[in-house]
Amino acid sequence: MRLLIDTNVILDYLLSREGFHEQAKEIFDLAQYVGDFEFVSSSAVTDIFYHARKELKDTFEAQDRIHGLLTFCSVLNVTEQDIRTALDMRWKDFEDAVQYAVALANHVDAIITRNVKDFERTDIPVLTPGEFLNE
């Protein structure tokens, strides 16, 4: 199964966010045992770095954590066509529209996010970490 992991779930994992870390960790652990392929969009990586550096107050620690993430999570490129697709979708949350366009272009099976409501009109399942783990 090919999973696009949204920024908030990755930050839950990387920053050990209370109340969310365990489910995020389970998703990443499960992928190693089941053979799921987890992806993050290239545009999300810069957002993840920004938030991790801000919370950790340490540039190099943020870089190290992202480097560790990339040992088991691959990066999907964001193309001009993905941006055009996202713009044409006319969603309120452009960042999520870009994530969805990248997921479509890369034939992702599901998107894992805590903000399901932000993903409007989708043909790809959009699940919370808890919903995914229950399936």
C-alpha atoms as a PDB file:
ATOM      1  CA  MET A   1       0.000   0.000   0.000  1.00  0.00           C
ATOM      2  CA  ARG A   2       1.248   3.461  -0.911  1.00  0.00           C
ATOM      3  CA  LEU A   3       0.526   6.078   1.763  1.00  0.00           C
ATOM      4  CA  LEU A   4       1.014   9.841   1.616  1.00  0.00           C
ATOM      5  CA  ILE A   5       1.613  10.994   5.181  1.00  0.00           C
ATOM      6  CA  ASP A   6       0.475  14.556   5.801  1.00  0.00           C
ATOM      7  CA  THR A   7       2.660  17.129   7.533  1.00  0.00           C
ATOM      8  CA  ASN A   8       0.753  17.064  10.825  1.00  0.00           C
ATOM      9  CA  VAL A   9       1.204  13.294  11.280  1.00  0.00           C
ATOM     10  CA  ILE A  10       4.912  13.490  10.505  1.00  0.00           C
ATOM     11  CA  LEU A  11       5.331  16.312  13.018  1.00  0.00           C
ATOM     12  CA  ASP A  12       3.414  14.248  15.588  1.00  0.00           C
ATOM     13  CA  TYR A  13       5.986  11.516  15.091  1.00  0.00           C
ATOM     14  CA  LEU A  14       9.142  13.640  14.850  1.00  0.00           C
ATOM     15  CA  LEU A  15       8.290  15.918  17.758  1.00  0.00           C
ATOM     16  CA  SER A  16       6.656  13.283  19.988  1.00  0.00           C
ATOM     17  CA  ARG A  17       3.506  15.391  20.265  1.00  0.00           C
ATOM     18  CA  GLU A  18       1.497  14.353  23.280  1.00  0.00           C
ATOM     19  CA  GLY A  19      -1.742  12.607  22.415  1.00  0.00           C
ATOM     20  CA  PHE A  20      -0.720  11.984  18.810  1.00  0.00           C
ATOM     21  CA  HIS A  21       2.786  10.485  18.814  1.00  0.00           C
ATOM     22  CA  GLU A  22       1.801   6.877  19.543  1.00  0.00           C
ATOM     23  CA  GLN A  23      -0.532   6.506  16.564  1.00  0.00           C
ATOM     24  CA  ALA A  24       1.940   8.227  14.245  1.00  0.00           C
ATOM     25  CA  LYS A  25       4.689   5.909  15.477  1.00  0.00           C
ATOM     26  CA  GLU A  26       2.449   2.866  14.943  1.00  0.00           C
ATOM     27  CA  ILE A  27       1.893   3.896  11.321  1.00  0.00           C
ATOM     28  CA  PHE A  28       5.610   4.160  10.671  1.00  0.00           C
ATOM     29  CA  ASP A  29       6.358   0.937  12.574  1.00  0.00           C
ATOM     30  CA  LEU A  30       3.621  -0.916  10.722  1.00  0.00           C
ATOM     31  CA  ALA A  31       5.029   0.097   7.372  1.00  0.00           C
ATOM     32  CA  GLN A  32       8.358  -1.516   8.194  1.00  0.00           C
ATOM     33  CA  TYR A  33       6.685  -4.839   9.029  1.00  0.00           C
ATOM     34  CA  VAL A  34       3.846  -4.925   6.505  1.00  0.00           C
ATOM     35  CA  GLY A  35       5.704  -3.454   3.562  1.00  0.00           C
ATOM     36  CA  ASP A  36       3.651  -0.303   3.114  1.00  0.00           C
ATOM     37  CA  PHE A  37       5.425   2.470   1.288  1.00  0.00           C
ATOM     38  CA  GLU A  38       5.181   5.829   2.971  1.00  0.00           C
ATOM     39  CA  PHE A  39       5.675   9.093   1.184  1.00  0.00           C
ATOM     40  CA  VAL A  40       5.867  12.772   1.953  1.00  0.00           C
ATOM     41  CA  SER A  41       5.656  15.493  -0.692  1.00  0.00           C
ATOM     42  CA  SER A  42       8.711  17.605  -1.345  1.00  0.00           C
ATOM     43  CA  SER A  43       6.734  20.739  -0.488  1.00  0.00           C
ATOM     44  CA  ALA A  44       5.861  19.290   2.914  1.00  0.00           C
ATOM     45  CA  VAL A  45       9.512  18.683   3.824  1.00  0.00           C
ATOM     46  CA  THR A  46      10.253  22.401   4.041  1.00  0.00           C
ATOM     47  CA  ASP A  47       7.153  22.930   6.184  1.00  0.00           C
ATOM     48  CA  ILE A  48       8.179  20.049   8.441  1.00  0.00           C
ATOM     49  CA  PHE A  49      11.667  21.499   8.824  1.00  0.00           C
ATOM     50  CA  TYR A  50      10.308  24.956   9.622  1.00  0.00           C
ATOM     51  CA  HIS A  51       8.002  23.682  12.377  1.00  0.00           C
ATOM     52  CA  ALA A  52      10.538  21.213  13.783  1.00  0.00           C
ATOM     53  CA  ARG A  53      13.275  23.860  13.970  1.00  0.00           C
ATOM     54  CA  LYS A  54      10.885  26.318  15.593  1.00  0.00           C
ATOM     55  CA  GLU A  55       9.733  23.844  18.241  1.00  0.00           C
ATOM     56  CA  LEU A  56      13.135  22.246  18.885  1.00  0.00           C
ATOM     57  CA  LYS A  57      14.959  25.599  18.720  1.00  0.00           C
ATOM     58  CA  ASP A  58      17.821  23.744  17.050  1.00  0.00           C
ATOM     59  CA  THR A  59      18.457  23.761  13.299  1.00  0.00           C
ATOM     60  CA  PHE A  60      20.762  20.756  13.315  1.00  0.00           C
ATOM     61  CA  GLU A  61      18.457  18.635  15.486  1.00  0.00           C
ATOM     62  CA  ALA A  62      15.595  19.392  13.079  1.00  0.00           C
ATOM     63  CA  GLN A  63      17.804  18.387  10.146  1.00  0.00           C
ATOM     64  CA  ASP A  64      18.838  15.176  11.917  1.00  0.00           C
ATOM     65  CA  ARG A  65      15.235  14.193  12.598  1.00  0.00           C
ATOM     66  CA  ILE A  66      14.225  14.769   8.986  1.00  0.00           C
ATOM     67  CA  HIS A  67      17.270  12.820   7.837  1.00  0.00           C
ATOM     68  CA  GLY A  68      16.133   9.946  10.060  1.00  0.00           C
ATOM     69  CA  LEU A  69      12.610  10.174   8.644  1.00  0.00           C
ATOM     70  CA  LEU A  70      13.977   9.808   5.125  1.00  0.00           C
ATOM     71  CA  THR A  71      15.488   6.428   5.993  1.00  0.00           C
ATOM     72  CA  PHE A  72      11.982   4.935   5.797  1.00  0.00           C
ATOM     73  CA  CYS A  73       9.846   7.586   4.095  1.00  0.00           C
ATOM     74  CA  SER A  74      10.388   8.592   0.458  1.00  0.00           C
ATOM     75  CA  VAL A  75       9.879  12.051  -1.022  1.00  0.00           C
ATOM     76  CA  LEU A  76       7.496  12.650  -3.913  1.00  0.00           C
ATOM     77  CA  ASN A  77       8.251  15.602  -6.158  1.00  0.00           C
ATOM     78  CA  VAL A  78       5.786  18.413  -6.615  1.00  0.00           C
ATOM     79  CA  THR A  79       5.563  19.289 -10.288  1.00  0.00           C
ATOM     80  CA  GLU A  80       4.171  22.286 -12.111  1.00  0.00           C
ATOM     81  CA  GLN A  81       1.276  20.089 -13.195  1.00  0.00           C
ATOM     82  CA  ASP A  82       0.541  19.239  -9.542  1.00  0.00           C
ATOM     83  CA  ILE A  83       0.388  22.965  -8.753  1.00  0.00           C
ATOM     84  CA  ARG A  84      -1.916  23.587 -11.709  1.00  0.00           C
ATOM     85  CA  THR A  85      -4.150  20.679 -10.671  1.00  0.00           C
ATOM     86  CA  ALA A  86      -4.312  22.025  -7.119  1.00  0.00           C
ATOM     87  CA  LEU A  87      -5.193  25.521  -8.340  1.00  0.00           C
ATOM     88  CA  ASP A  88      -7.907  24.146 -10.624  1.00  0.00           C
ATOM     89  CA  MET A  89      -9.478  22.235  -7.709  1.00  0.00           C
ATOM     90  CA  ARG A  90     -10.292  25.575  -6.008  1.00  0.00           C
ATOM     91  CA  TRP A  91     -10.007  24.194  -2.464  1.00  0.00           C
ATOM     92  CA  LYS A  92      -9.916  26.596   0.465  1.00  0.00           C
ATOM     93  CA  ASP A  93      -6.682  25.035   1.764  1.00  0.00           C
ATOM     94  CA  PHE A  94      -4.182  25.236  -1.095  1.00  0.00           C
ATOM     95  CA  GLU A  95      -1.489  23.279   0.773  1.00  0.00           C
ATOM     96  CA  ASP A  96      -3.846  20.308   1.135  1.00  0.00           C
ATOM     97  CA  ALA A  97      -4.873  20.634  -2.507  1.00  0.00           C
ATOM     98  CA  VAL A  98      -1.205  20.319  -3.483  1.00  0.00           C
ATOM     99  CA  GLN A  99      -0.830  17.251  -1.256  1.00  0.00           C
ATOM    100  CA  TYR A 100      -3.871  15.707  -2.905  1.00  0.00           C
ATOM    101  CA  ALA A 101      -2.659  16.523  -6.435  1.00  0.00           C
ATOM    102  CA  VAL A 102       0.699  14.880  -5.648  1.00  0.00           C
ATOM    103  CA  ALA A 103      -1.129  11.839  -4.262  1.00  0.00           C
ATOM    104  CA  LEU A 104      -3.228  11.564  -7.441  1.00  0.00           C
ATOM    105  CA  ALA A 105      -0.243  11.906  -9.753  1.00  0.00           C
ATOM    106  CA  ASN A 106       1.687   9.238  -7.855  1.00  0.00           C
ATOM    107  CA  HIS A 107      -1.175   6.724  -7.530  1.00  0.00           C
ATOM    108  CA  VAL A 108      -1.218   6.826  -3.738  1.00  0.00           C
ATOM    109  CA  ASP A 109      -3.713   4.445  -2.095  1.00  0.00           C
ATOM    110  CA  ALA A 110      -4.538   6.663   0.900  1.00  0.00           C
ATOM    111  CA  ILE A 111      -3.651   9.936   2.588  1.00  0.00           C
ATOM    112  CA  ILE A 112      -3.080   9.855   6.350  1.00  0.00           C
ATOM    113  CA  THR A 113      -3.857  13.139   8.123  1.00  0.00           C
ATOM    114  CA  ARG A 114      -5.434  14.519  11.271  1.00  0.00           C
ATOM    115  CA  ASN A 115      -7.225  17.133   9.144  1.00  0.00           C
ATOM    116  CA  VAL A 116      -9.548  14.966   7.055  1.00  0.00           C
ATOM    117  CA  LYS A 117     -12.103  17.778   6.700  1.00  0.00           C
ATOM    118  CA  ASP A 118      -9.564  19.939   4.838  1.00  0.00           C
ATOM    119  CA  PHE A 119      -9.441  17.449   1.970  1.00  0.00           C
ATOM    120  CA  GLU A 120     -12.495  18.322  -0.125  1.00  0.00           C
ATOM    121  CA  ARG A 121     -14.038  16.052  -2.778  1.00  0.00           C
ATOM    122  CA  THR A 122     -11.496  13.235  -2.984  1.00  0.00           C
ATOM    123  CA  ASP A 123     -11.284  10.015  -4.951  1.00  0.00           C
ATOM    124  CA  ILE A 124      -8.477   8.754  -2.714  1.00  0.00           C
ATOM    125  CA  PRO A 125      -9.338   7.634   0.822  1.00  0.00           C
ATOM    126  CA  VAL A 126      -8.313  10.254   3.392  1.00  0.00           C
ATOM    127  CA  LEU A 127      -7.998   8.742   6.845  1.00  0.00           C
ATOM    128  CA  THR A 128      -6.985   9.792  10.314  1.00  0.00           C
ATOM    129  CA  PRO A 129      -4.165   7.770  11.865  1.00  0.00           C
ATOM    130  CA  GLY A 130      -6.731   6.031  14.093  1.00  0.00           C
ATOM    131  CA  GLU A 131      -8.989   5.141  11.151  1.00  0.00           C
ATOM    132  CA  PHE A 132      -6.058   3.733   9.208  1.00  0.00           C
ATOM    133  CA  LEU A 133      -4.830   1.653  12.136  1.00  0.00           C
ATOM    134  CA  ASN A 134      -8.353   0.250  12.707  1.00  0.00           C
ATOM    135  CA  GLU A 135      -8.600  -1.002   9.113  1.00  0.00           C
END
